[in-house]
Amino acid sequence: MKRIGGTSVPLGPLTLRDQPLFNLTATVPSGLLRTLLLRGAVLWLLARLMGRAILAAGGQSAAPLLPAWVVVMTASLTFVDLNRRKELALIHNLGVTTSHAVIMATLPAMALETALVMLVA
């Protein structure tokens, strides 16, 4: 690094060590974000109902694992939904990776499961 006028300037090409792990300044189009959050909430409701049905059929012994199971199922269902609708090419053309899209759609499940655990406890 060479200091020029108070700012540090790299001398050579950037290495992997110099690059950030996540691009926090990346922008996601608002329409896509709204769609992913709405779908995530619907898939959370579906996964929550499915988990309650499994608990009712098999007993209440796995009830403490239900919130984690619901979040994982929401992420899985989101990935399947994106593949089923063949939207991955569109999402990648907008500069959003598949993992970021799945994480964005899973945010409602994480928030709602956290709120439910806090309300019940």
PDB file of N, CA and C in Angstrom:
ATOM      1  N   MET A   1       0.839  -1.175   0.000  1.00  0.00           N
ATOM      2  CA  MET A   1       0.000   0.000   0.000  1.00  0.00           C
ATOM      3  C   MET A   1       0.886   1.241   0.000  1.00  0.00           C
ATOM      4  N   LYS A   2       0.508   2.179  -0.783  1.00  0.00           N
ATOM      5  CA  LYS A   2       1.237   3.442  -0.849  1.00  0.00           C
ATOM      6  C   LYS A   2       0.268   4.555  -0.483  1.00  0.00           C
ATOM      7  N   ARG A   3       0.717   5.453   0.350  1.00  0.00           N
ATOM      8  CA  ARG A   3      -0.134   6.564   0.777  1.00  0.00           C
ATOM      9  C   ARG A   3       0.031   7.716  -0.199  1.00  0.00           C
ATOM     10  N   ILE A   4      -1.091   8.140  -0.757  1.00  0.00           N
ATOM     11  CA  ILE A   4      -1.087   9.279  -1.669  1.00  0.00           C
ATOM     12  C   ILE A   4      -2.080  10.286  -1.128  1.00  0.00           C
ATOM     13  N   GLY A   5      -1.588  11.355  -0.585  1.00  0.00           N
ATOM     14  CA  GLY A   5      -2.428  12.440  -0.104  1.00  0.00           C
ATOM     15  C   GLY A   5      -3.359  12.071   1.045  1.00  0.00           C
ATOM     16  N   GLY A   6      -3.153  11.054   1.764  1.00  0.00           N
ATOM     17  CA  GLY A   6      -4.008  10.697   2.888  1.00  0.00           C
ATOM     18  C   GLY A   6      -4.846   9.460   2.653  1.00  0.00           C
ATOM     19  N   THR A   7      -4.848   8.932   1.433  1.00  0.00           N
ATOM     20  CA  THR A   7      -5.580   7.690   1.170  1.00  0.00           C
ATOM     21  C   THR A   7      -4.584   6.605   0.793  1.00  0.00           C
ATOM     22  N   SER A   8      -4.918   5.400   1.101  1.00  0.00           N
ATOM     23  CA  SER A   8      -4.055   4.269   0.770  1.00  0.00           C
ATOM     24  C   SER A   8      -4.447   3.721  -0.592  1.00  0.00           C
ATOM     25  N   VAL A   9      -3.467   3.544  -1.435  1.00  0.00           N
ATOM     26  CA  VAL A   9      -3.689   3.046  -2.786  1.00  0.00           C
ATOM     27  C   VAL A   9      -2.894   1.758  -2.937  1.00  0.00           C
ATOM     28  N   PRO A  10      -3.534   0.660  -3.399  1.00  0.00           N
ATOM     29  CA  PRO A  10      -2.766  -0.572  -3.586  1.00  0.00           C
ATOM     30  C   PRO A  10      -1.781  -0.415  -4.733  1.00  0.00           C
ATOM     31  N   LEU A  11      -0.610  -1.012  -4.575  1.00  0.00           N
ATOM     32  CA  LEU A  11       0.420  -0.914  -5.595  1.00  0.00           C
ATOM     33  C   LEU A  11       0.193  -1.894  -6.727  1.00  0.00           C
ATOM     34  N   GLY A  12      -0.243  -3.073  -6.426  1.00  0.00           N
ATOM     35  CA  GLY A  12      -0.432  -4.095  -7.447  1.00  0.00           C
ATOM     36  C   GLY A  12      -1.888  -4.481  -7.554  1.00  0.00           C
ATOM     37  N   PRO A  13      -2.115  -5.593  -8.243  1.00  0.00           N
ATOM     38  CA  PRO A  13      -3.501  -6.051  -8.360  1.00  0.00           C
ATOM     39  C   PRO A  13      -4.026  -6.509  -6.997  1.00  0.00           C
ATOM     40  N   LEU A  14      -5.324  -6.409  -6.836  1.00  0.00           N
ATOM     41  CA  LEU A  14      -5.947  -6.828  -5.592  1.00  0.00           C
ATOM     42  C   LEU A  14      -5.871  -8.343  -5.456  1.00  0.00           C
ATOM     43  N   THR A  15      -5.550  -8.798  -4.300  1.00  0.00           N
ATOM     44  CA  THR A  15      -5.557 -10.228  -4.038  1.00  0.00           C
ATOM     45  C   THR A  15      -6.879 -10.591  -3.394  1.00  0.00           C
ATOM     46  N   LEU A  16      -7.110 -11.885  -3.245  1.00  0.00           N
ATOM     47  CA  LEU A  16      -8.340 -12.341  -2.628  1.00  0.00           C
ATOM     48  C   LEU A  16      -8.443 -11.847  -1.190  1.00  0.00           C
ATOM     49  N   ARG A  17      -7.313 -11.679  -0.538  1.00  0.00           N
ATOM     50  CA  ARG A  17      -7.287 -11.204   0.842  1.00  0.00           C
ATOM     51  C   ARG A  17      -7.756  -9.749   0.941  1.00  0.00           C
ATOM     52  N   ASP A  18      -7.546  -8.956  -0.103  1.00  0.00           N
ATOM     53  CA  ASP A  18      -7.910  -7.545  -0.079  1.00  0.00           C
ATOM     54  C   ASP A  18      -9.385  -7.296  -0.407  1.00  0.00           C
ATOM     55  N   GLN A  19     -10.064  -8.282  -0.984  1.00  0.00           N
ATOM     56  CA  GLN A  19     -11.442  -8.096  -1.403  1.00  0.00           C
ATOM     57  C   GLN A  19     -12.389  -8.452  -0.267  1.00  0.00           C
ATOM     58  N   PRO A  20     -13.515  -7.745  -0.172  1.00  0.00           N
ATOM     59  CA  PRO A  20     -14.468  -8.068   0.895  1.00  0.00           C
ATOM     60  C   PRO A  20     -15.123  -9.421   0.648  1.00  0.00           C
ATOM     61  N   LEU A  21     -15.545 -10.067   1.728  1.00  0.00           N
ATOM     62  CA  LEU A  21     -16.184 -11.371   1.613  1.00  0.00           C
ATOM     63  C   LEU A  21     -17.569 -11.239   0.994  1.00  0.00           C
ATOM     64  N   PHE A  22     -18.332 -10.233   1.392  1.00  0.00           N
ATOM     65  CA  PHE A  22     -19.653  -9.988   0.835  1.00  0.00           C
ATOM     66  C   PHE A  22     -19.681  -8.581   0.274  1.00  0.00           C
ATOM     67  N   ASN A  23     -20.420  -8.393  -0.801  1.00  0.00           N
ATOM     68  CA  ASN A  23     -20.605  -7.073  -1.368  1.00  0.00           C
ATOM     69  C   ASN A  23     -21.845  -6.460  -0.725  1.00  0.00           C
ATOM     70  N   LEU A  24     -21.639  -5.727   0.348  1.00  0.00           N
ATOM     71  CA  LEU A  24     -22.765  -5.154   1.076  1.00  0.00           C
ATOM     72  C   LEU A  24     -23.378  -3.958   0.370  1.00  0.00           C
ATOM     73  N   THR A  25     -22.711  -3.440  -0.635  1.00  0.00           N
ATOM     74  CA  THR A  25     -23.248  -2.281  -1.342  1.00  0.00           C
ATOM     75  C   THR A  25     -24.041  -2.686  -2.572  1.00  0.00           C
ATOM     76  N   ALA A  26     -24.184  -3.983  -2.821  1.00  0.00           N
ATOM     77  CA  ALA A  26     -24.946  -4.430  -3.977  1.00  0.00           C
ATOM     78  C   ALA A  26     -26.415  -4.055  -3.798  1.00  0.00           C
ATOM     79  N   THR A  27     -27.031  -3.637  -4.863  1.00  0.00           N
ATOM     80  CA  THR A  27     -28.438  -3.250  -4.789  1.00  0.00           C
ATOM     81  C   THR A  27     -29.292  -4.345  -5.408  1.00  0.00           C
ATOM     82  N   VAL A  28     -30.396  -4.601  -4.782  1.00  0.00           N
ATOM     83  CA  VAL A  28     -31.366  -5.560  -5.292  1.00  0.00           C
ATOM     84  C   VAL A  28     -32.570  -4.752  -5.747  1.00  0.00           C
ATOM     85  N   PRO A  29     -33.038  -4.992  -6.961  1.00  0.00           N
ATOM     86  CA  PRO A  29     -34.219  -4.241  -7.415  1.00  0.00           C
ATOM     87  C   PRO A  29     -35.386  -4.416  -6.447  1.00  0.00           C
ATOM     88  N   SER A  30     -36.090  -3.317  -6.201  1.00  0.00           N
ATOM     89  CA  SER A  30     -37.144  -3.339  -5.187  1.00  0.00           C
ATOM     90  C   SER A  30     -38.273  -4.298  -5.548  1.00  0.00           C
ATOM     91  N   GLY A  31     -38.588  -4.429  -6.814  1.00  0.00           N
ATOM     92  CA  GLY A  31     -39.635  -5.359  -7.226  1.00  0.00           C
ATOM     93  C   GLY A  31     -39.258  -6.803  -6.929  1.00  0.00           C
ATOM     94  N   LEU A  32     -38.007  -7.142  -7.185  1.00  0.00           N
ATOM     95  CA  LEU A  32     -37.535  -8.496  -6.893  1.00  0.00           C
ATOM     96  C   LEU A  32     -37.514  -8.746  -5.395  1.00  0.00           C
ATOM     97  N   LEU A  33     -37.055  -7.762  -4.635  1.00  0.00           N
ATOM     98  CA  LEU A  33     -37.014  -7.907  -3.183  1.00  0.00           C
ATOM     99  C   LEU A  33     -38.416  -8.100  -2.606  1.00  0.00           C
ATOM    100  N   ARG A  34     -39.362  -7.306  -3.067  1.00  0.00           N
ATOM    101  CA  ARG A  34     -40.739  -7.423  -2.601  1.00  0.00           C
ATOM    102  C   ARG A  34     -41.323  -8.793  -2.953  1.00  0.00           C
ATOM    103  N   THR A  35     -41.049  -9.268  -4.165  1.00  0.00           N
ATOM    104  CA  THR A  35     -41.543 -10.573  -4.595  1.00  0.00           C
ATOM    105  C   THR A  35     -40.946 -11.694  -3.766  1.00  0.00           C
ATOM    106  N   LEU A  36     -39.637 -11.634  -3.518  1.00  0.00           N
ATOM    107  CA  LEU A  36     -38.984 -12.679  -2.738  1.00  0.00           C
ATOM    108  C   LEU A  36     -39.469 -12.686  -1.292  1.00  0.00           C
ATOM    109  N   LEU A  37     -39.657 -11.511  -0.708  1.00  0.00           N
ATOM    110  CA  LEU A  37     -40.143 -11.449   0.667  1.00  0.00           C
ATOM    111  C   LEU A  37     -41.579 -11.962   0.781  1.00  0.00           C
ATOM    112  N   LEU A  38     -42.426 -11.630  -0.187  1.00  0.00           N
ATOM    113  CA  LEU A  38     -43.807 -12.109  -0.163  1.00  0.00           C
ATOM    114  C   LEU A  38     -43.861 -13.622  -0.354  1.00  0.00           C
ATOM    115  N   ARG A  39     -43.102 -14.134  -1.309  1.00  0.00           N
ATOM    116  CA  ARG A  39     -43.052 -15.584  -1.513  1.00  0.00           C
ATOM    117  C   ARG A  39     -42.491 -16.286  -0.291  1.00  0.00           C
ATOM    118  N   GLY A  40     -41.486 -15.683   0.332  1.00  0.00           N
ATOM    119  CA  GLY A  40     -40.908 -16.273   1.529  1.00  0.00           C
ATOM    120  C   GLY A  40     -41.917 -16.367   2.654  1.00  0.00           C
ATOM    121  N   ALA A  41     -42.749 -15.345   2.802  1.00  0.00           N
ATOM    122  CA  ALA A  41     -43.774 -15.372   3.846  1.00  0.00           C
ATOM    123  C   ALA A  41     -44.814 -16.452   3.556  1.00  0.00           C
ATOM    124  N   VAL A  42     -45.204 -16.596   2.297  1.00  0.00           N
ATOM    125  CA  VAL A  42     -46.175 -17.637   1.933  1.00  0.00           C
ATOM    126  C   VAL A  42     -45.574 -19.018   2.153  1.00  0.00           C
ATOM    127  N   LEU A  43     -44.320 -19.200   1.751  1.00  0.00           N
ATOM    128  CA  LEU A  43     -43.666 -20.492   1.943  1.00  0.00           C
ATOM    129  C   LEU A  43     -43.427 -20.781   3.429  1.00  0.00           C
ATOM    130  N   TRP A  44     -43.190 -19.731   4.234  1.00  0.00           N
ATOM    131  CA  TRP A  44     -43.070 -19.935   5.679  1.00  0.00           C
ATOM    132  C   TRP A  44     -44.378 -20.473   6.239  1.00  0.00           C
ATOM    133  N   LEU A  45     -45.487 -19.888   5.824  1.00  0.00           N
ATOM    134  CA  LEU A  45     -46.789 -20.355   6.306  1.00  0.00           C
ATOM    135  C   LEU A  45     -47.013 -21.808   5.902  1.00  0.00           C
ATOM    136  N   LEU A  46     -46.671 -22.158   4.673  1.00  0.00           N
ATOM    137  CA  LEU A  46     -46.817 -23.532   4.209  1.00  0.00           C
ATOM    138  C   LEU A  46     -45.931 -24.482   5.020  1.00  0.00           C
ATOM    139  N   ALA A  47     -44.684 -24.093   5.246  1.00  0.00           N
ATOM    140  CA  ALA A  47     -43.764 -24.936   6.017  1.00  0.00           C
ATOM    141  C   ALA A  47     -44.217 -25.038   7.474  1.00  0.00           C
ATOM    142  N   ARG A  48     -44.737 -23.971   8.023  1.00  0.00           N
ATOM    143  CA  ARG A  48     -45.210 -23.987   9.411  1.00  0.00           C
ATOM    144  C   ARG A  48     -46.403 -24.931   9.567  1.00  0.00           C
ATOM    145  N   LEU A  49     -47.348 -24.864   8.627  1.00  0.00           N
ATOM    146  CA  LEU A  49     -48.496 -25.760   8.669  1.00  0.00           C
ATOM    147  C   LEU A  49     -48.063 -27.214   8.475  1.00  0.00           C
ATOM    148  N   MET A  50     -47.107 -27.428   7.579  1.00  0.00           N
ATOM    149  CA  MET A  50     -46.600 -28.775   7.347  1.00  0.00           C
ATOM    150  C   MET A  50     -45.915 -29.317   8.610  1.00  0.00           C
ATOM    151  N   GLY A  51     -45.137 -28.484   9.280  1.00  0.00           N
ATOM    152  CA  GLY A  51     -44.469 -28.898  10.511  1.00  0.00           C
ATOM    153  C   GLY A  51     -45.453 -29.212  11.615  1.00  0.00           C
ATOM    154  N   ARG A  52     -46.505 -28.404  11.732  1.00  0.00           N
ATOM    155  CA  ARG A  52     -47.525 -28.661  12.751  1.00  0.00           C
ATOM    156  C   ARG A  52     -48.262 -29.968  12.461  1.00  0.00           C
ATOM    157  N   ALA A  53     -48.514 -30.251  11.183  1.00  0.00           N
ATOM    158  CA  ALA A  53     -49.186 -31.502  10.823  1.00  0.00           C
ATOM    159  C   ALA A  53     -48.302 -32.704  11.140  1.00  0.00           C
ATOM    160  N   ILE A  54     -47.006 -32.585  10.890  1.00  0.00           N
ATOM    161  CA  ILE A  54     -46.084 -33.680  11.203  1.00  0.00           C
ATOM    162  C   ILE A  54     -46.011 -33.890  12.705  1.00  0.00           C
ATOM    163  N   LEU A  55     -45.961 -32.796  13.470  1.00  0.00           N
ATOM    164  CA  LEU A  55     -45.945 -32.919  14.933  1.00  0.00           C
ATOM    165  C   LEU A  55     -47.236 -33.541  15.460  1.00  0.00           C
ATOM    166  N   ALA A  56     -48.362 -33.179  14.872  1.00  0.00           N
ATOM    167  CA  ALA A  56     -49.641 -33.730  15.325  1.00  0.00           C
ATOM    168  C   ALA A  56     -49.732 -35.221  15.012  1.00  0.00           C
ATOM    169  N   ALA A  57     -49.148 -35.637  13.911  1.00  0.00           N
ATOM    170  CA  ALA A  57     -49.207 -37.046  13.533  1.00  0.00           C
ATOM    171  C   ALA A  57     -48.200 -37.887  14.311  1.00  0.00           C
ATOM    172  N   GLY A  58     -47.035 -37.312  14.619  1.00  0.00           N
ATOM    173  CA  GLY A  58     -45.981 -38.112  15.229  1.00  0.00           C
ATOM    174  C   GLY A  58     -45.740 -37.857  16.698  1.00  0.00           C
ATOM    175  N   GLY A  59     -46.443 -36.971  17.307  1.00  0.00           N
ATOM    176  CA  GLY A  59     -46.210 -36.673  18.721  1.00  0.00           C
ATOM    177  C   GLY A  59     -45.456 -35.374  18.894  1.00  0.00           C
ATOM    178  N   GLN A  60     -45.358 -34.924  20.111  1.00  0.00           N
ATOM    179  CA  GLN A  60     -44.760 -33.618  20.407  1.00  0.00           C
ATOM    180  C   GLN A  60     -43.294 -33.702  20.817  1.00  0.00           C
ATOM    181  N   SER A  61     -42.626 -34.826  20.587  1.00  0.00           N
ATOM    182  CA  SER A  61     -41.250 -34.968  21.068  1.00  0.00           C
ATOM    183  C   SER A  61     -40.261 -34.079  20.308  1.00  0.00           C
ATOM    184  N   ALA A  62     -40.560 -33.736  19.070  1.00  0.00           N
ATOM    185  CA  ALA A  62     -39.644 -32.924  18.271  1.00  0.00           C
ATOM    186  C   ALA A  62     -40.066 -31.459  18.217  1.00  0.00           C
ATOM    187  N   ALA A  63     -40.931 -31.023  19.095  1.00  0.00           N
ATOM    188  CA  ALA A  63     -41.436 -29.647  19.074  1.00  0.00           C
ATOM    189  C   ALA A  63     -40.346 -28.589  19.220  1.00  0.00           C
ATOM    190  N   PRO A  64     -39.297 -28.787  20.030  1.00  0.00           N
ATOM    191  CA  PRO A  64     -38.261 -27.749  20.118  1.00  0.00           C
ATOM    192  C   PRO A  64     -37.482 -27.536  18.814  1.00  0.00           C
ATOM    193  N   LEU A  65     -37.475 -28.536  17.940  1.00  0.00           N
ATOM    194  CA  LEU A  65     -36.760 -28.405  16.671  1.00  0.00           C
ATOM    195  C   LEU A  65     -37.607 -27.783  15.567  1.00  0.00           C
ATOM    196  N   LEU A  66     -38.869 -27.539  15.833  1.00  0.00           N
ATOM    197  CA  LEU A  66     -39.770 -27.032  14.799  1.00  0.00           C
ATOM    198  C   LEU A  66     -39.317 -25.706  14.183  1.00  0.00           C
ATOM    199  N   PRO A  67     -38.891 -24.691  14.947  1.00  0.00           N
ATOM    200  CA  PRO A  67     -38.474 -23.434  14.304  1.00  0.00           C
ATOM    201  C   PRO A  67     -37.304 -23.604  13.336  1.00  0.00           C
ATOM    202  N   ALA A  68     -36.309 -24.390  13.721  1.00  0.00           N
ATOM    203  CA  ALA A  68     -35.173 -24.607  12.826  1.00  0.00           C
ATOM    204  C   ALA A  68     -35.607 -25.379  11.588  1.00  0.00           C
ATOM    205  N   TRP A  69     -36.470 -26.369  11.781  1.00  0.00           N
ATOM    206  CA  TRP A  69     -36.954 -27.160  10.660  1.00  0.00           C
ATOM    207  C   TRP A  69     -37.746 -26.288   9.687  1.00  0.00           C
ATOM    208  N   VAL A  70     -38.563 -25.382  10.222  1.00  0.00           N
ATOM    209  CA  VAL A  70     -39.379 -24.510   9.371  1.00  0.00           C
ATOM    210  C   VAL A  70     -38.487 -23.584   8.545  1.00  0.00           C
ATOM    211  N   VAL A  71     -37.439 -23.038   9.140  1.00  0.00           N
ATOM    212  CA  VAL A  71     -36.544 -22.140   8.394  1.00  0.00           C
ATOM    213  C   VAL A  71     -35.816 -22.907   7.297  1.00  0.00           C
ATOM    214  N   VAL A  72     -35.334 -24.096   7.601  1.00  0.00           N
ATOM    215  CA  VAL A  72     -34.637 -24.908   6.592  1.00  0.00           C
ATOM    216  C   VAL A  72     -35.598 -25.304   5.473  1.00  0.00           C
ATOM    217  N   MET A  73     -36.812 -25.679   5.830  1.00  0.00           N
ATOM    218  CA  MET A  73     -37.798 -26.046   4.805  1.00  0.00           C
ATOM    219  C   MET A  73     -38.189 -24.845   3.948  1.00  0.00           C
ATOM    220  N   THR A  74     -38.260 -23.665   4.549  1.00  0.00           N
ATOM    221  CA  THR A  74     -38.569 -22.464   3.772  1.00  0.00           C
ATOM    222  C   THR A  74     -37.472 -22.188   2.756  1.00  0.00           C
ATOM    223  N   ALA A  75     -36.219 -22.322   3.168  1.00  0.00           N
ATOM    224  CA  ALA A  75     -35.110 -22.125   2.233  1.00  0.00           C
ATOM    225  C   ALA A  75     -35.148 -23.166   1.125  1.00  0.00           C
ATOM    226  N   SER A  76     -35.413 -24.403   1.474  1.00  0.00           N
ATOM    227  CA  SER A  76     -35.475 -25.468   0.467  1.00  0.00           C
ATOM    228  C   SER A  76     -36.628 -25.247  -0.502  1.00  0.00           C
ATOM    229  N   LEU A  77     -37.788 -24.898   0.033  1.00  0.00           N
ATOM    230  CA  LEU A  77     -38.938 -24.645  -0.840  1.00  0.00           C
ATOM    231  C   LEU A  77     -38.718 -23.428  -1.732  1.00  0.00           C
ATOM    232  N   THR A  78     -38.010 -22.435  -1.233  1.00  0.00           N
ATOM    233  CA  THR A  78     -37.689 -21.269  -2.064  1.00  0.00           C
ATOM    234  C   THR A  78     -36.799 -21.663  -3.228  1.00  0.00           C
ATOM    235  N   PHE A  79     -35.782 -22.463  -2.945  1.00  0.00           N
ATOM    236  CA  PHE A  79     -34.883 -22.914  -4.013  1.00  0.00           C
ATOM    237  C   PHE A  79     -35.644 -23.730  -5.056  1.00  0.00           C
ATOM    238  N   VAL A  80     -36.512 -24.629  -4.595  1.00  0.00           N
ATOM    239  CA  VAL A  80     -37.309 -25.436  -5.522  1.00  0.00           C
ATOM    240  C   VAL A  80     -38.244 -24.537  -6.329  1.00  0.00           C
ATOM    241  N   ASP A  81     -38.839 -23.539  -5.691  1.00  0.00           N
ATOM    242  CA  ASP A  81     -39.757 -22.626  -6.371  1.00  0.00           C
ATOM    243  C   ASP A  81     -39.036 -21.808  -7.441  1.00  0.00           C
ATOM    244  N   LEU A  82     -37.841 -21.323  -7.126  1.00  0.00           N
ATOM    245  CA  LEU A  82     -37.078 -20.558  -8.124  1.00  0.00           C
ATOM    246  C   LEU A  82     -36.707 -21.426  -9.318  1.00  0.00           C
ATOM    247  N   ASN A  83     -36.350 -22.679  -9.060  1.00  0.00           N
ATOM    248  CA  ASN A  83     -36.041 -23.585 -10.166  1.00  0.00           C
ATOM    249  C   ASN A  83     -37.290 -23.945 -10.961  1.00  0.00           C
ATOM    250  N   ARG A  84     -38.407 -24.164 -10.262  1.00  0.00           N
ATOM    251  CA  ARG A  84     -39.646 -24.549 -10.935  1.00  0.00           C
ATOM    252  C   ARG A  84     -40.151 -23.436 -11.848  1.00  0.00           C
ATOM    253  N   ARG A  85     -40.021 -22.202 -11.395  1.00  0.00           N
ATOM    254  CA  ARG A  85     -40.482 -21.068 -12.204  1.00  0.00           C
ATOM    255  C   ARG A  85     -39.460 -20.637 -13.261  1.00  0.00           C
ATOM    256  N   LYS A  86     -38.290 -21.279 -13.251  1.00  0.00           N
ATOM    257  CA  LYS A  86     -37.205 -20.968 -14.187  1.00  0.00           C
ATOM    258  C   LYS A  86     -36.814 -19.487 -14.131  1.00  0.00           C
ATOM    259  N   GLU A  87     -36.684 -18.963 -12.913  1.00  0.00           N
ATOM    260  CA  GLU A  87     -36.351 -17.562 -12.712  1.00  0.00           C
ATOM    261  C   GLU A  87     -34.881 -17.326 -12.393  1.00  0.00           C
ATOM    262  N   LEU A  88     -34.090 -18.373 -12.328  1.00  0.00           N
ATOM    263  CA  LEU A  88     -32.693 -18.192 -11.937  1.00  0.00           C
ATOM    264  C   LEU A  88     -31.912 -17.378 -12.960  1.00  0.00           C
ATOM    265  N   ALA A  89     -32.191 -17.558 -14.244  1.00  0.00           N
ATOM    266  CA  ALA A  89     -31.487 -16.778 -15.266  1.00  0.00           C
ATOM    267  C   ALA A  89     -31.815 -15.289 -15.116  1.00  0.00           C
ATOM    268  N   LEU A  90     -33.081 -14.961 -14.864  1.00  0.00           N
ATOM    269  CA  LEU A  90     -33.476 -13.563 -14.656  1.00  0.00           C
ATOM    270  C   LEU A  90     -32.786 -12.977 -13.432  1.00  0.00           C
ATOM    271  N   ILE A  91     -32.794 -13.742 -12.345  1.00  0.00           N
ATOM    272  CA  ILE A  91     -32.181 -13.257 -11.110  1.00  0.00           C
ATOM    273  C   ILE A  91     -30.684 -13.044 -11.307  1.00  0.00           C
ATOM    274  N   HIS A  92     -30.031 -13.958 -12.010  1.00  0.00           N
ATOM    275  CA  HIS A  92     -28.591 -13.804 -12.256  1.00  0.00           C
ATOM    276  C   HIS A  92     -28.323 -12.623 -13.186  1.00  0.00           C
ATOM    277  N   ASN A  93     -29.205 -12.370 -14.158  1.00  0.00           N
ATOM    278  CA  ASN A  93     -29.026 -11.211 -15.031  1.00  0.00           C
ATOM    279  C   ASN A  93     -29.171  -9.894 -14.271  1.00  0.00           C
ATOM    280  N   LEU A  94     -29.919  -9.918 -13.168  1.00  0.00           N
ATOM    281  CA  LEU A  94     -30.068  -8.719 -12.337  1.00  0.00           C
ATOM    282  C   LEU A  94     -28.912  -8.561 -11.360  1.00  0.00           C
ATOM    283  N   GLY A  95     -27.969  -9.508 -11.372  1.00  0.00           N
ATOM    284  CA  GLY A  95     -26.799  -9.410 -10.510  1.00  0.00           C
ATOM    285  C   GLY A  95     -27.007  -9.995  -9.128  1.00  0.00           C
ATOM    286  N   VAL A  96     -28.034 -10.808  -8.963  1.00  0.00           N
ATOM    287  CA  VAL A  96     -28.316 -11.435  -7.667  1.00  0.00           C
ATOM    288  C   VAL A  96     -28.024 -12.918  -7.797  1.00  0.00           C
ATOM    289  N   THR A  97     -27.212 -13.450  -6.907  1.00  0.00           N
ATOM    290  CA  THR A  97     -26.897 -14.874  -6.959  1.00  0.00           C
ATOM    291  C   THR A  97     -28.045 -15.681  -6.361  1.00  0.00           C
ATOM    292  N   THR A  98     -28.023 -16.970  -6.641  1.00  0.00           N
ATOM    293  CA  THR A  98     -29.081 -17.844  -6.129  1.00  0.00           C
ATOM    294  C   THR A  98     -29.089 -17.865  -4.612  1.00  0.00           C
ATOM    295  N   SER A  99     -27.910 -17.920  -4.012  1.00  0.00           N
ATOM    296  CA  SER A  99     -27.860 -17.977  -2.547  1.00  0.00           C
ATOM    297  C   SER A  99     -28.405 -16.693  -1.920  1.00  0.00           C
ATOM    298  N   HIS A 100     -28.119 -15.540  -2.521  1.00  0.00           N
ATOM    299  CA  HIS A 100     -28.664 -14.290  -1.984  1.00  0.00           C
ATOM    300  C   HIS A 100     -30.184 -14.254  -2.124  1.00  0.00           C
ATOM    301  N   ALA A 101     -30.709 -14.763  -3.243  1.00  0.00           N
ATOM    302  CA  ALA A 101     -32.162 -14.785  -3.432  1.00  0.00           C
ATOM    303  C   ALA A 101     -32.825 -15.702  -2.404  1.00  0.00           C
ATOM    304  N   VAL A 102     -32.218 -16.858  -2.148  1.00  0.00           N
ATOM    305  CA  VAL A 102     -32.789 -17.777  -1.161  1.00  0.00           C
ATOM    306  C   VAL A 102     -32.723 -17.164   0.234  1.00  0.00           C
ATOM    307  N   ILE A 103     -31.615 -16.516   0.561  1.00  0.00           N
ATOM    308  CA  ILE A 103     -31.488 -15.885   1.877  1.00  0.00           C
ATOM    309  C   ILE A 103     -32.517 -14.768   2.039  1.00  0.00           C
ATOM    310  N   MET A 104     -32.712 -13.959   0.986  1.00  0.00           N
ATOM    311  CA  MET A 104     -33.700 -12.878   1.075  1.00  0.00           C
ATOM    312  C   MET A 104     -35.108 -13.429   1.266  1.00  0.00           C
ATOM    313  N   ALA A 105     -35.419 -14.548   0.599  1.00  0.00           N
ATOM    314  CA  ALA A 105     -36.757 -15.125   0.736  1.00  0.00           C
ATOM    315  C   ALA A 105     -36.929 -15.834   2.073  1.00  0.00           C
ATOM    316  N   THR A 106     -35.827 -16.198   2.726  1.00  0.00           N
ATOM    317  CA  THR A 106     -35.906 -16.886   4.008  1.00  0.00           C
ATOM    318  C   THR A 106     -35.968 -15.892   5.173  1.00  0.00           C
ATOM    319  N   LEU A 107     -35.692 -14.638   4.945  1.00  0.00           N
ATOM    320  CA  LEU A 107     -35.727 -13.633   6.010  1.00  0.00           C
ATOM    321  C   LEU A 107     -37.073 -13.547   6.732  1.00  0.00           C
ATOM    322  N   PRO A 108     -38.216 -13.584   6.024  1.00  0.00           N
ATOM    323  CA  PRO A 108     -39.481 -13.560   6.771  1.00  0.00           C
ATOM    324  C   PRO A 108     -39.636 -14.764   7.698  1.00  0.00           C
ATOM    325  N   ALA A 109     -39.185 -15.938   7.257  1.00  0.00           N
ATOM    326  CA  ALA A 109     -39.292 -17.126   8.106  1.00  0.00           C
ATOM    327  C   ALA A 109     -38.440 -16.971   9.353  1.00  0.00           C
ATOM    328  N   MET A 110     -37.229 -16.452   9.185  1.00  0.00           N
ATOM    329  CA  MET A 110     -36.359 -16.263  10.348  1.00  0.00           C
ATOM    330  C   MET A 110     -36.961 -15.250  11.321  1.00  0.00           C
ATOM    331  N   ALA A 111     -37.480 -14.159  10.797  1.00  0.00           N
ATOM    332  CA  ALA A 111     -38.048 -13.122  11.657  1.00  0.00           C
ATOM    333  C   ALA A 111     -39.309 -13.621  12.366  1.00  0.00           C
ATOM    334  N   LEU A 112     -40.173 -14.294  11.633  1.00  0.00           N
ATOM    335  CA  LEU A 112     -41.423 -14.753  12.235  1.00  0.00           C
ATOM    336  C   LEU A 112     -41.198 -15.890  13.232  1.00  0.00           C
ATOM    337  N   GLU A 113     -40.278 -16.789  12.925  1.00  0.00           N
ATOM    338  CA  GLU A 113     -39.983 -17.868  13.878  1.00  0.00           C
ATOM    339  C   GLU A 113     -39.340 -17.309  15.142  1.00  0.00           C
ATOM    340  N   THR A 114     -38.465 -16.329  14.993  1.00  0.00           N
ATOM    341  CA  THR A 114     -37.867 -15.686  16.162  1.00  0.00           C
ATOM    342  C   THR A 114     -38.932 -15.008  17.017  1.00  0.00           C
ATOM    343  N   ALA A 115     -39.864 -14.320  16.364  1.00  0.00           N
ATOM    344  CA  ALA A 115     -40.947 -13.655  17.103  1.00  0.00           C
ATOM    345  C   ALA A 115     -41.836 -14.674  17.813  1.00  0.00           C
ATOM    346  N   LEU A 116     -42.124 -15.790  17.153  1.00  0.00           N
ATOM    347  CA  LEU A 116     -42.952 -16.815  17.796  1.00  0.00           C
ATOM    348  C   LEU A 116     -42.255 -17.455  18.980  1.00  0.00           C
ATOM    349  N   VAL A 117     -40.956 -17.705  18.864  1.00  0.00           N
ATOM    350  CA  VAL A 117     -40.212 -18.291  19.976  1.00  0.00           C
ATOM    351  C   VAL A 117     -40.169 -17.312  21.147  1.00  0.00           C
ATOM    352  N   MET A 118     -39.993 -16.030  20.860  1.00  0.00           N
ATOM    353  CA  MET A 118     -39.943 -15.035  21.938  1.00  0.00           C
ATOM    354  C   MET A 118     -41.301 -14.853  22.598  1.00  0.00           C
ATOM    355  N   LEU A 119     -42.390 -14.963  21.825  1.00  0.00           N
ATOM    356  CA  LEU A 119     -43.722 -14.815  22.404  1.00  0.00           C
ATOM    357  C   LEU A 119     -44.112 -16.009  23.253  1.00  0.00           C
ATOM    358  N   VAL A 120     -43.708 -17.202  22.840  1.00  0.00           N
ATOM    359  CA  VAL A 120     -44.080 -18.412  23.569  1.00  0.00           C
ATOM    360  C   VAL A 120     -43.240 -18.563  24.832  1.00  0.00           C
ATOM    361  N   ALA A 121     -41.970 -18.181  24.752  1.00  0.00           N
ATOM    362  CA  ALA A 121     -41.077 -18.378  25.916  1.00  0.00           C
ATOM    363  C   ALA A 121     -41.352 -17.421  27.035  1.00  0.00           C
TER     364      ALA A 121
END
